[in-house]
């Protein structure tokens, strides 16, 4: 039988057992990653803290970094999207596409104005050259993702792996919703959100 808790034909007991196995696997993966990067801070964690860990904490480094950059791009969209549309140099566009994904960049640029976040929601770094894109978007996104974690030993442990980045002052529930929104946007084709007059990244670079 599949380990999917929602597998067709599974009994309530089987679904509960599958969910428990998934939680144990997630706990183990998060603990292993934190012990590798911040052993002293990770030693303070108990099972309750690990149970509160979001799935992205167990992701491979490259996947987690991509999410950090995507969250950073999302919160910077009110300032950066109009700027990106005016970028005429391919290097900055290519750098942005590399760290967030071409489809994600296109979908972000295509967001209708009413779906763009308020400009004062979070600090957005100024990006003047392609060499700055990855580091600045990652730092902005990581700060939000830290704020999405509950205050306590789990946040302290993750903070140790991301230093000198610190948590954004925004409310945890808001930060959590932004992380979820970035994940949804990454799964949504740009064509589904593009409105008239919003160019694709390839069009901007032309």
N, C-alpha and C. Protein backbone atom coordinates (compact mmCIF):
# COMPACT_ATOMS: atom_id res chain seq x y z
N UNK A 1 0.83 -1.20 0.00
CA UNK A 1 0.00 0.00 0.00
C UNK A 1 0.87 1.25 0.00
N UNK A 2 0.41 2.29 -0.64
CA UNK A 2 1.15 3.54 -0.71
C UNK A 2 1.21 4.18 0.67
N UNK A 3 2.29 4.99 0.89
CA UNK A 3 2.41 5.72 2.14
C UNK A 3 1.62 7.00 2.15
N UNK A 4 0.89 7.29 1.07
CA UNK A 4 0.11 8.52 0.98
C UNK A 4 -1.07 8.43 1.93
N UNK A 5 -1.17 9.37 2.89
CA UNK A 5 -2.28 9.32 3.85
C UNK A 5 -3.64 9.42 3.18
N UNK A 6 -3.71 9.99 1.98
CA UNK A 6 -4.98 10.16 1.29
C UNK A 6 -5.22 9.07 0.24
N UNK A 7 -4.42 8.01 0.26
CA UNK A 7 -4.53 6.96 -0.75
C UNK A 7 -5.95 6.40 -0.79
N UNK A 8 -6.42 6.14 -2.01
CA UNK A 8 -7.78 5.61 -2.19
C UNK A 8 -7.90 4.26 -1.50
N UNK A 9 -8.98 4.06 -0.81
CA UNK A 9 -9.23 2.79 -0.16
C UNK A 9 -8.62 2.64 1.22
N UNK A 10 -7.85 3.61 1.65
CA UNK A 10 -7.21 3.52 2.96
C UNK A 10 -8.25 3.69 4.06
N UNK A 11 -8.11 2.91 5.11
CA UNK A 11 -9.01 3.04 6.25
C UNK A 11 -8.55 4.22 7.11
N UNK A 12 -9.42 4.73 7.98
CA UNK A 12 -8.98 5.82 8.87
C UNK A 12 -7.73 5.47 9.65
N UNK A 13 -7.64 4.22 10.12
CA UNK A 13 -6.47 3.81 10.87
C UNK A 13 -5.21 3.82 10.01
N UNK A 14 -5.35 3.37 8.77
CA UNK A 14 -4.20 3.36 7.86
C UNK A 14 -3.76 4.78 7.52
N UNK A 15 -4.73 5.67 7.33
CA UNK A 15 -4.38 7.07 7.05
C UNK A 15 -3.66 7.70 8.23
N UNK A 16 -4.15 7.40 9.43
CA UNK A 16 -3.51 7.95 10.63
C UNK A 16 -2.08 7.42 10.77
N UNK A 17 -1.90 6.14 10.48
CA UNK A 17 -0.56 5.55 10.58
C UNK A 17 0.38 6.16 9.55
N UNK A 18 -0.15 6.39 8.33
CA UNK A 18 0.68 6.99 7.27
C UNK A 18 1.06 8.42 7.63
N UNK A 19 0.12 9.17 8.19
CA UNK A 19 0.41 10.54 8.63
C UNK A 19 1.48 10.54 9.71
N UNK A 20 1.39 9.60 10.64
CA UNK A 20 2.37 9.50 11.72
C UNK A 20 3.75 9.19 11.16
N UNK A 21 3.81 8.30 10.16
CA UNK A 21 5.10 7.98 9.53
C UNK A 21 5.68 9.21 8.85
N UNK A 22 4.83 9.97 8.16
CA UNK A 22 5.31 11.18 7.50
C UNK A 22 5.85 12.19 8.50
N UNK A 23 5.16 12.35 9.61
CA UNK A 23 5.62 13.28 10.64
C UNK A 23 6.97 12.85 11.20
N UNK A 24 7.12 11.54 11.42
CA UNK A 24 8.40 11.04 11.94
C UNK A 24 9.52 11.27 10.94
N UNK A 25 9.24 11.04 9.67
CA UNK A 25 10.25 11.26 8.63
C UNK A 25 10.64 12.73 8.54
N UNK A 26 9.63 13.61 8.64
CA UNK A 26 9.90 15.05 8.60
C UNK A 26 10.73 15.47 9.80
N UNK A 27 10.34 14.99 10.99
CA UNK A 27 11.10 15.31 12.20
C UNK A 27 12.55 14.88 12.07
N UNK A 28 12.75 13.67 11.58
CA UNK A 28 14.11 13.15 11.44
C UNK A 28 14.92 13.97 10.45
N UNK A 29 14.30 14.35 9.33
CA UNK A 29 15.01 15.11 8.30
C UNK A 29 15.38 16.50 8.81
N UNK A 30 14.45 17.15 9.52
CA UNK A 30 14.73 18.49 10.06
C UNK A 30 15.83 18.39 11.11
N UNK A 31 15.73 17.42 12.00
CA UNK A 31 16.73 17.26 13.04
C UNK A 31 18.11 17.01 12.44
N UNK A 32 18.17 16.16 11.41
CA UNK A 32 19.46 15.85 10.78
C UNK A 32 20.07 17.09 10.13
N UNK A 33 19.24 17.86 9.47
CA UNK A 33 19.76 19.06 8.79
C UNK A 33 20.25 20.08 9.81
N UNK A 34 19.48 20.31 10.86
CA UNK A 34 19.88 21.30 11.85
C UNK A 34 21.11 20.85 12.64
N UNK A 35 21.19 19.56 12.91
CA UNK A 35 22.37 19.06 13.62
C UNK A 35 23.63 19.23 12.78
N UNK A 36 23.48 19.15 11.46
CA UNK A 36 24.63 19.29 10.57
C UNK A 36 25.11 20.73 10.49
N UNK A 37 24.17 21.68 10.60
CA UNK A 37 24.52 23.09 10.42
C UNK A 37 24.63 23.88 11.72
N UNK A 38 23.87 23.48 12.73
CA UNK A 38 23.88 24.22 14.00
C UNK A 38 23.68 23.23 15.15
N UNK A 39 24.67 22.39 15.40
CA UNK A 39 24.50 21.32 16.39
C UNK A 39 24.18 21.81 17.80
N UNK A 40 24.80 22.90 18.22
CA UNK A 40 24.55 23.40 19.58
C UNK A 40 23.11 23.86 19.74
N UNK A 41 22.61 24.63 18.75
CA UNK A 41 21.23 25.11 18.81
C UNK A 41 20.24 23.97 18.63
N UNK A 42 20.57 23.03 17.75
CA UNK A 42 19.66 21.90 17.50
C UNK A 42 19.52 21.01 18.73
N UNK A 43 20.55 20.99 19.55
CA UNK A 43 20.50 20.15 20.76
C UNK A 43 19.42 20.60 21.73
N UNK A 44 18.97 21.85 21.60
CA UNK A 44 17.93 22.37 22.50
C UNK A 44 16.53 21.94 22.08
N UNK A 45 16.39 21.39 20.87
CA UNK A 45 15.06 21.08 20.35
C UNK A 45 14.49 19.82 20.99
N UNK A 46 13.17 19.85 21.22
CA UNK A 46 12.47 18.65 21.68
C UNK A 46 11.51 18.21 20.58
N UNK A 47 10.77 17.14 20.84
CA UNK A 47 9.87 16.60 19.81
C UNK A 47 8.78 17.60 19.44
N UNK A 48 8.30 18.36 20.41
CA UNK A 48 7.25 19.33 20.11
C UNK A 48 7.75 20.39 19.14
N UNK A 49 8.99 20.85 19.34
CA UNK A 49 9.55 21.85 18.44
C UNK A 49 9.71 21.28 17.04
N UNK A 50 10.17 20.04 16.95
CA UNK A 50 10.35 19.42 15.64
C UNK A 50 9.01 19.17 14.96
N UNK A 51 7.99 18.86 15.75
CA UNK A 51 6.65 18.65 15.17
C UNK A 51 6.10 19.95 14.58
N UNK A 52 6.56 21.10 15.10
CA UNK A 52 6.07 22.39 14.60
C UNK A 52 6.83 22.85 13.36
N UNK A 53 7.83 22.10 12.95
CA UNK A 53 8.66 22.52 11.81
C UNK A 53 7.90 22.38 10.50
N UNK A 54 7.95 23.41 9.65
CA UNK A 54 7.33 23.30 8.33
C UNK A 54 8.13 22.36 7.43
N UNK A 55 7.49 21.85 6.41
CA UNK A 55 8.13 20.86 5.53
C UNK A 55 9.38 21.41 4.85
N UNK A 56 9.39 22.72 4.55
CA UNK A 56 10.53 23.26 3.81
C UNK A 56 11.83 23.20 4.59
N UNK A 57 11.76 23.04 5.91
CA UNK A 57 12.98 22.92 6.68
C UNK A 57 13.73 21.62 6.40
N UNK A 58 13.01 20.65 5.84
CA UNK A 58 13.64 19.37 5.52
C UNK A 58 14.08 19.29 4.07
N UNK A 59 13.83 20.33 3.30
CA UNK A 59 14.18 20.31 1.88
C UNK A 59 15.69 20.33 1.68
N UNK A 60 16.16 19.79 0.55
CA UNK A 60 17.57 19.92 0.20
C UNK A 60 17.97 21.39 0.08
N UNK A 61 19.24 21.67 0.26
CA UNK A 61 19.73 23.05 0.31
C UNK A 61 19.32 23.87 -0.91
N UNK A 62 19.48 23.29 -2.09
CA UNK A 62 19.18 24.04 -3.31
C UNK A 62 17.70 24.40 -3.39
N UNK A 63 16.84 23.47 -3.00
CA UNK A 63 15.40 23.71 -3.04
C UNK A 63 14.99 24.75 -1.99
N UNK A 64 15.58 24.68 -0.82
CA UNK A 64 15.28 25.66 0.23
C UNK A 64 15.75 27.05 -0.16
N UNK A 65 16.92 27.13 -0.78
CA UNK A 65 17.43 28.43 -1.22
C UNK A 65 16.54 29.03 -2.29
N UNK A 66 16.05 28.20 -3.21
CA UNK A 66 15.15 28.69 -4.25
C UNK A 66 13.89 29.27 -3.63
N UNK A 67 13.34 28.62 -2.59
CA UNK A 67 12.14 29.15 -1.94
C UNK A 67 12.45 30.47 -1.25
N UNK A 68 13.59 30.57 -0.61
CA UNK A 68 13.97 31.84 0.02
C UNK A 68 14.00 32.97 -1.01
N UNK A 69 14.59 32.69 -2.16
CA UNK A 69 14.66 33.71 -3.22
C UNK A 69 13.27 34.05 -3.74
N UNK A 70 12.41 33.06 -3.85
CA UNK A 70 11.06 33.32 -4.36
C UNK A 70 10.25 34.14 -3.38
N UNK A 71 10.38 33.85 -2.09
CA UNK A 71 9.69 34.67 -1.09
C UNK A 71 10.24 36.09 -1.13
N UNK A 72 11.55 36.22 -1.25
CA UNK A 72 12.15 37.54 -1.35
C UNK A 72 11.64 38.31 -2.55
N UNK A 73 11.54 37.64 -3.69
CA UNK A 73 11.03 38.30 -4.89
C UNK A 73 9.57 38.70 -4.72
N UNK A 74 8.80 37.86 -4.01
CA UNK A 74 7.38 38.17 -3.81
C UNK A 74 7.20 39.42 -2.97
N UNK A 75 7.92 39.54 -1.87
CA UNK A 75 7.73 40.71 -1.01
C UNK A 75 8.32 41.96 -1.64
N UNK A 76 9.27 41.78 -2.57
CA UNK A 76 9.85 42.94 -3.25
C UNK A 76 9.07 43.32 -4.50
N UNK A 77 8.07 42.53 -4.86
CA UNK A 77 7.34 42.77 -6.11
C UNK A 77 6.77 44.18 -6.24
N UNK A 78 6.21 44.79 -5.17
CA UNK A 78 5.66 46.14 -5.33
C UNK A 78 6.69 47.15 -5.81
N UNK A 79 7.96 46.93 -5.43
CA UNK A 79 9.03 47.84 -5.84
C UNK A 79 9.80 47.27 -7.01
N UNK A 80 10.09 45.97 -6.93
CA UNK A 80 10.98 45.37 -7.91
C UNK A 80 10.29 45.05 -9.23
N UNK A 81 9.01 44.66 -9.20
CA UNK A 81 8.36 44.28 -10.46
C UNK A 81 8.33 45.43 -11.46
N UNK A 82 7.91 46.64 -11.06
CA UNK A 82 7.97 47.73 -12.03
C UNK A 82 9.40 48.00 -12.49
N UNK A 83 10.35 47.82 -11.56
CA UNK A 83 11.74 48.05 -11.93
C UNK A 83 12.23 46.99 -12.90
N UNK A 84 11.88 45.72 -12.61
CA UNK A 84 12.32 44.63 -13.47
C UNK A 84 11.77 44.81 -14.88
N UNK A 85 10.54 45.30 -14.98
CA UNK A 85 9.95 45.50 -16.30
C UNK A 85 10.73 46.53 -17.11
N UNK A 86 11.47 47.39 -16.40
CA UNK A 86 12.25 48.42 -17.09
C UNK A 86 13.69 47.98 -17.32
N UNK A 87 14.08 46.84 -16.73
CA UNK A 87 15.43 46.37 -16.95
C UNK A 87 15.63 46.06 -18.43
N UNK A 88 16.66 46.60 -19.01
CA UNK A 88 16.92 46.32 -20.42
C UNK A 88 18.18 45.47 -20.56
N UNK A 89 18.85 45.21 -19.45
CA UNK A 89 20.06 44.40 -19.53
C UNK A 89 19.73 42.95 -19.21
N UNK A 90 20.10 42.08 -20.10
CA UNK A 90 19.82 40.66 -19.94
C UNK A 90 20.46 40.06 -18.69
N UNK A 91 21.65 40.50 -18.26
CA UNK A 91 22.26 39.85 -17.08
C UNK A 91 21.40 39.88 -15.82
N UNK A 92 20.76 41.01 -15.52
CA UNK A 92 19.92 41.06 -14.30
C UNK A 92 18.71 40.14 -14.44
N UNK A 93 18.10 40.16 -15.62
CA UNK A 93 16.95 39.28 -15.84
C UNK A 93 17.37 37.82 -15.76
N UNK A 94 18.49 37.49 -16.34
CA UNK A 94 18.98 36.11 -16.30
C UNK A 94 19.30 35.69 -14.88
N UNK A 95 19.88 36.60 -14.09
CA UNK A 95 20.19 36.29 -12.70
C UNK A 95 18.93 36.03 -11.90
N UNK A 96 17.91 36.86 -12.11
CA UNK A 96 16.64 36.67 -11.41
C UNK A 96 15.98 35.36 -11.81
N UNK A 97 15.99 35.07 -13.11
CA UNK A 97 15.37 33.83 -13.58
C UNK A 97 16.10 32.61 -13.04
N UNK A 98 17.41 32.71 -12.90
CA UNK A 98 18.18 31.56 -12.38
C UNK A 98 17.82 31.24 -10.95
N UNK A 99 17.61 32.25 -10.12
CA UNK A 99 17.41 31.99 -8.70
C UNK A 99 15.95 31.72 -8.33
N UNK A 100 15.00 32.25 -9.10
CA UNK A 100 13.59 32.01 -8.77
C UNK A 100 12.91 31.10 -9.78
N UNK A 101 13.54 30.90 -10.94
CA UNK A 101 12.91 30.11 -12.01
C UNK A 101 12.23 31.03 -13.01
N UNK A 102 12.36 30.70 -14.27
CA UNK A 102 11.79 31.55 -15.31
C UNK A 102 10.28 31.67 -15.20
N UNK A 103 9.61 30.55 -14.97
CA UNK A 103 8.15 30.56 -14.87
C UNK A 103 7.69 31.40 -13.67
N UNK A 104 8.41 31.28 -12.57
CA UNK A 104 8.03 32.05 -11.38
C UNK A 104 8.20 33.54 -11.64
N UNK A 105 9.30 33.91 -12.27
CA UNK A 105 9.54 35.33 -12.56
C UNK A 105 8.45 35.87 -13.48
N UNK A 106 8.07 35.10 -14.48
CA UNK A 106 7.02 35.53 -15.40
C UNK A 106 5.69 35.67 -14.66
N UNK A 107 5.38 34.70 -13.79
CA UNK A 107 4.13 34.76 -13.05
C UNK A 107 4.11 35.96 -12.10
N UNK A 108 5.25 36.25 -11.49
CA UNK A 108 5.34 37.38 -10.57
C UNK A 108 5.14 38.70 -11.31
N UNK A 109 5.76 38.83 -12.47
CA UNK A 109 5.61 40.05 -13.25
C UNK A 109 4.20 40.20 -13.79
N UNK A 110 3.49 39.08 -13.91
CA UNK A 110 2.16 39.11 -14.49
C UNK A 110 1.06 39.34 -13.46
N UNK A 111 1.40 39.43 -12.17
CA UNK A 111 0.36 39.61 -11.15
C UNK A 111 -0.42 40.90 -11.40
N UNK A 112 -1.74 40.83 -11.36
CA UNK A 112 -2.54 42.06 -11.45
C UNK A 112 -2.22 42.97 -10.28
N UNK A 113 -2.41 44.25 -10.47
CA UNK A 113 -2.07 45.23 -9.43
C UNK A 113 -2.74 44.92 -8.10
N UNK A 114 -3.98 44.42 -8.16
CA UNK A 114 -4.72 44.18 -6.91
C UNK A 114 -4.17 42.98 -6.15
N UNK A 115 -3.31 42.17 -6.77
CA UNK A 115 -2.71 41.03 -6.08
C UNK A 115 -1.29 41.30 -5.62
N UNK A 116 -0.75 42.46 -5.95
CA UNK A 116 0.59 42.82 -5.52
C UNK A 116 0.54 43.28 -4.07
N UNK A 117 1.52 42.88 -3.29
CA UNK A 117 1.54 43.21 -1.87
C UNK A 117 1.77 44.71 -1.65
N UNK A 118 1.34 45.24 -0.51
CA UNK A 118 1.59 46.65 -0.20
C UNK A 118 3.08 46.96 -0.20
N UNK A 119 3.43 48.16 -0.62
CA UNK A 119 4.84 48.55 -0.75
C UNK A 119 5.57 48.57 0.59
N UNK A 120 4.84 48.85 1.67
CA UNK A 120 5.50 48.99 2.97
C UNK A 120 5.43 47.71 3.81
N UNK A 121 5.12 46.59 3.17
CA UNK A 121 4.98 45.35 3.92
C UNK A 121 6.31 44.89 4.51
N UNK A 122 7.38 45.06 3.76
CA UNK A 122 8.70 44.66 4.23
C UNK A 122 9.75 45.46 3.48
N UNK A 123 10.95 45.50 4.04
CA UNK A 123 12.04 46.20 3.36
C UNK A 123 12.45 45.42 2.11
N UNK A 124 12.64 46.15 1.03
CA UNK A 124 13.06 45.52 -0.22
C UNK A 124 14.43 46.08 -0.59
N UNK A 125 15.39 45.22 -0.84
CA UNK A 125 16.72 45.71 -1.18
C UNK A 125 16.77 46.32 -2.58
N UNK A 126 17.65 47.27 -2.75
CA UNK A 126 17.89 47.85 -4.07
C UNK A 126 18.85 46.93 -4.82
N UNK A 127 18.48 46.57 -6.03
CA UNK A 127 19.29 45.66 -6.83
C UNK A 127 19.79 46.41 -8.06
N UNK A 128 21.07 46.71 -8.08
CA UNK A 128 21.63 47.51 -9.16
C UNK A 128 22.40 46.69 -10.19
N UNK A 129 22.84 45.50 -9.80
CA UNK A 129 23.64 44.71 -10.74
C UNK A 129 23.32 43.23 -10.57
N UNK A 130 23.60 42.41 -11.57
CA UNK A 130 23.23 41.00 -11.51
C UNK A 130 23.88 40.24 -10.36
N UNK A 131 25.07 40.66 -9.95
CA UNK A 131 25.76 39.97 -8.87
C UNK A 131 25.03 40.09 -7.53
N UNK A 132 24.15 41.07 -7.41
CA UNK A 132 23.42 41.28 -6.15
C UNK A 132 22.13 40.47 -6.07
N UNK A 133 21.62 40.03 -7.20
CA UNK A 133 20.27 39.48 -7.24
C UNK A 133 20.08 38.31 -6.29
N UNK A 134 20.90 37.28 -6.40
CA UNK A 134 20.70 36.07 -5.61
C UNK A 134 20.81 36.33 -4.12
N UNK A 135 21.88 37.01 -3.71
CA UNK A 135 22.11 37.21 -2.28
C UNK A 135 21.04 38.09 -1.65
N UNK A 136 20.64 39.16 -2.34
CA UNK A 136 19.67 40.08 -1.75
C UNK A 136 18.26 39.48 -1.70
N UNK A 137 17.84 38.79 -2.76
CA UNK A 137 16.53 38.16 -2.72
C UNK A 137 16.50 37.05 -1.67
N UNK A 138 17.58 36.29 -1.58
CA UNK A 138 17.63 35.20 -0.59
C UNK A 138 17.54 35.77 0.82
N UNK A 139 18.28 36.83 1.10
CA UNK A 139 18.26 37.41 2.45
C UNK A 139 16.87 37.94 2.80
N UNK A 140 16.22 38.61 1.84
CA UNK A 140 14.88 39.15 2.10
C UNK A 140 13.89 38.02 2.36
N UNK A 141 13.97 36.96 1.58
CA UNK A 141 13.05 35.84 1.76
C UNK A 141 13.33 35.05 3.02
N UNK A 142 14.60 34.83 3.33
CA UNK A 142 14.95 34.08 4.53
C UNK A 142 14.47 34.79 5.79
N UNK A 143 14.51 36.12 5.79
CA UNK A 143 14.03 36.88 6.95
C UNK A 143 12.54 36.64 7.18
N UNK A 144 11.78 36.57 6.09
CA UNK A 144 10.35 36.30 6.20
C UNK A 144 10.12 34.86 6.67
N UNK A 145 10.88 33.92 6.13
CA UNK A 145 10.70 32.52 6.51
C UNK A 145 11.07 32.28 7.97
N UNK A 146 12.06 33.01 8.47
CA UNK A 146 12.36 32.92 9.90
C UNK A 146 11.20 33.44 10.73
N UNK A 147 10.58 34.54 10.27
CA UNK A 147 9.45 35.11 11.01
C UNK A 147 8.25 34.17 11.00
N UNK A 148 8.19 33.26 10.01
CA UNK A 148 7.09 32.31 9.93
C UNK A 148 7.22 31.18 10.96
N UNK A 149 8.39 31.03 11.53
CA UNK A 149 8.61 29.98 12.54
C UNK A 149 8.17 30.47 13.91
N UNK A 150 7.67 29.57 14.75
CA UNK A 150 7.27 29.98 16.10
C UNK A 150 8.48 30.46 16.89
N UNK A 151 8.27 31.49 17.70
CA UNK A 151 9.35 32.00 18.55
C UNK A 151 9.74 30.91 19.55
N UNK A 152 11.03 30.65 19.64
CA UNK A 152 11.49 29.62 20.55
C UNK A 152 12.69 28.88 20.00
N UNK A 153 12.94 27.68 20.50
CA UNK A 153 14.16 26.96 20.13
C UNK A 153 14.27 26.63 18.64
N UNK A 154 13.14 26.36 17.98
CA UNK A 154 13.21 26.04 16.55
C UNK A 154 13.68 27.24 15.76
N UNK A 155 13.12 28.41 16.05
CA UNK A 155 13.56 29.61 15.33
C UNK A 155 15.02 29.92 15.64
N UNK A 156 15.42 29.73 16.89
CA UNK A 156 16.82 30.01 17.24
C UNK A 156 17.76 29.08 16.49
N UNK A 157 17.37 27.82 16.36
CA UNK A 157 18.22 26.86 15.66
C UNK A 157 18.35 27.21 14.19
N UNK A 158 17.22 27.54 13.55
CA UNK A 158 17.25 27.90 12.13
C UNK A 158 18.00 29.21 11.95
N UNK A 159 17.82 30.15 12.86
CA UNK A 159 18.54 31.42 12.78
C UNK A 159 20.05 31.20 12.78
N UNK A 160 20.49 30.21 13.54
CA UNK A 160 21.93 29.93 13.60
C UNK A 160 22.46 29.48 12.24
N UNK A 161 21.62 28.82 11.46
CA UNK A 161 22.07 28.36 10.14
C UNK A 161 22.04 29.47 9.11
N UNK A 162 21.31 30.56 9.39
CA UNK A 162 21.15 31.64 8.41
C UNK A 162 21.87 32.92 8.80
N UNK A 163 22.52 32.95 9.94
CA UNK A 163 23.20 34.16 10.40
C UNK A 163 24.12 34.70 9.29
N UNK A 164 24.16 36.02 9.14
CA UNK A 164 23.64 37.08 10.02
C UNK A 164 22.21 37.52 9.72
N UNK A 165 21.48 36.77 8.89
CA UNK A 165 20.09 37.13 8.59
C UNK A 165 19.26 36.97 9.86
N UNK A 166 18.40 37.93 10.13
CA UNK A 166 17.51 37.88 11.29
C UNK A 166 16.06 37.89 10.82
N UNK A 167 15.16 37.50 11.71
CA UNK A 167 13.75 37.40 11.35
C UNK A 167 13.15 38.77 11.05
N UNK A 168 12.28 38.81 10.07
CA UNK A 168 11.53 40.03 9.77
C UNK A 168 10.63 40.36 10.96
N UNK A 169 10.37 41.64 11.22
CA UNK A 169 9.49 42.01 12.33
C UNK A 169 8.01 41.76 12.07
N UNK A 170 7.66 41.31 10.87
CA UNK A 170 6.25 41.08 10.56
C UNK A 170 5.67 39.96 11.41
N UNK A 171 4.35 39.94 11.55
CA UNK A 171 3.67 38.92 12.34
C UNK A 171 3.91 37.54 11.74
N UNK A 172 3.99 36.54 12.62
CA UNK A 172 4.26 35.18 12.16
C UNK A 172 3.22 34.66 11.19
N UNK A 173 1.94 34.95 11.47
CA UNK A 173 0.88 34.46 10.59
C UNK A 173 1.00 35.07 9.19
N UNK A 174 1.36 36.34 9.13
CA UNK A 174 1.54 37.00 7.83
C UNK A 174 2.72 36.38 7.10
N UNK A 175 3.83 36.19 7.81
CA UNK A 175 5.01 35.60 7.19
C UNK A 175 4.70 34.20 6.66
N UNK A 176 3.97 33.43 7.45
CA UNK A 176 3.61 32.07 7.03
C UNK A 176 2.75 32.10 5.77
N UNK A 177 1.83 33.06 5.69
CA UNK A 177 0.97 33.15 4.51
C UNK A 177 1.76 33.55 3.27
N UNK A 178 2.81 34.37 3.44
CA UNK A 178 3.63 34.78 2.31
C UNK A 178 4.46 33.61 1.78
N UNK A 179 4.97 32.80 2.68
CA UNK A 179 5.72 31.62 2.27
C UNK A 179 4.81 30.67 1.48
N UNK A 180 3.60 30.48 1.99
CA UNK A 180 2.64 29.62 1.29
C UNK A 180 2.27 30.19 -0.07
N UNK A 181 2.13 31.52 -0.13
CA UNK A 181 1.77 32.15 -1.41
C UNK A 181 2.89 31.99 -2.44
N UNK A 182 4.12 32.12 -2.00
CA UNK A 182 5.25 31.93 -2.92
C UNK A 182 5.28 30.50 -3.44
N UNK A 183 4.96 29.54 -2.59
CA UNK A 183 4.93 28.15 -3.03
C UNK A 183 3.82 27.91 -4.04
N UNK A 184 2.66 28.52 -3.80
CA UNK A 184 1.56 28.37 -4.76
C UNK A 184 1.89 29.02 -6.10
N UNK A 185 2.50 30.20 -6.03
CA UNK A 185 2.82 30.92 -7.25
C UNK A 185 3.83 30.14 -8.09
N UNK A 186 4.70 29.41 -7.42
CA UNK A 186 5.70 28.61 -8.14
C UNK A 186 5.05 27.48 -8.94
N UNK A 187 3.86 27.08 -8.52
CA UNK A 187 3.15 26.00 -9.20
C UNK A 187 2.17 26.51 -10.25
N UNK A 188 2.00 27.82 -10.32
CA UNK A 188 0.99 28.41 -11.18
C UNK A 188 1.63 28.94 -12.46
N UNK A 189 1.19 28.46 -13.63
CA UNK A 189 1.75 28.97 -14.88
C UNK A 189 1.56 30.47 -15.01
N UNK A 190 2.55 31.12 -15.59
CA UNK A 190 2.47 32.57 -15.75
C UNK A 190 1.27 32.99 -16.58
N UNK A 191 0.90 32.16 -17.55
CA UNK A 191 -0.22 32.50 -18.43
C UNK A 191 -1.53 32.61 -17.67
N UNK A 192 -1.60 31.91 -16.51
CA UNK A 192 -2.84 31.91 -15.74
C UNK A 192 -3.04 33.21 -14.99
N UNK A 193 -1.95 33.96 -14.75
CA UNK A 193 -2.08 35.19 -13.99
C UNK A 193 -1.75 36.43 -14.81
N UNK A 194 -1.19 36.24 -16.01
CA UNK A 194 -0.78 37.39 -16.79
C UNK A 194 -1.99 38.21 -17.22
N UNK A 195 -1.94 39.50 -17.03
CA UNK A 195 -3.01 40.36 -17.48
C UNK A 195 -2.49 41.20 -18.63
N UNK A 196 -3.37 41.82 -19.32
CA UNK A 196 -3.00 42.58 -20.50
C UNK A 196 -1.96 43.63 -20.15
N UNK A 197 -0.88 43.65 -20.94
CA UNK A 197 0.16 44.66 -20.77
C UNK A 197 1.28 44.25 -19.86
N UNK A 198 1.18 43.10 -19.17
CA UNK A 198 2.25 42.65 -18.31
C UNK A 198 3.15 41.71 -19.10
N UNK A 199 4.39 42.09 -19.42
CA UNK A 199 5.23 41.29 -20.27
C UNK A 199 5.86 40.11 -19.57
N UNK A 200 6.20 39.10 -20.33
CA UNK A 200 6.97 38.00 -19.80
C UNK A 200 8.43 38.43 -19.71
N UNK A 201 9.18 37.68 -18.90
CA UNK A 201 10.59 38.03 -18.72
C UNK A 201 11.33 38.02 -20.05
N UNK A 202 11.01 37.05 -20.92
CA UNK A 202 11.68 36.97 -22.20
C UNK A 202 11.35 38.17 -23.06
N UNK A 203 10.15 38.72 -22.89
CA UNK A 203 9.76 39.88 -23.67
C UNK A 203 10.49 41.12 -23.19
N UNK A 204 10.72 41.20 -21.86
CA UNK A 204 11.40 42.35 -21.30
C UNK A 204 12.84 42.39 -21.80
N UNK A 205 13.45 41.21 -21.89
CA UNK A 205 14.84 41.14 -22.28
C UNK A 205 15.05 41.37 -23.76
N UNK A 206 13.96 41.31 -24.53
CA UNK A 206 14.10 41.43 -25.99
C UNK A 206 14.54 42.84 -26.36
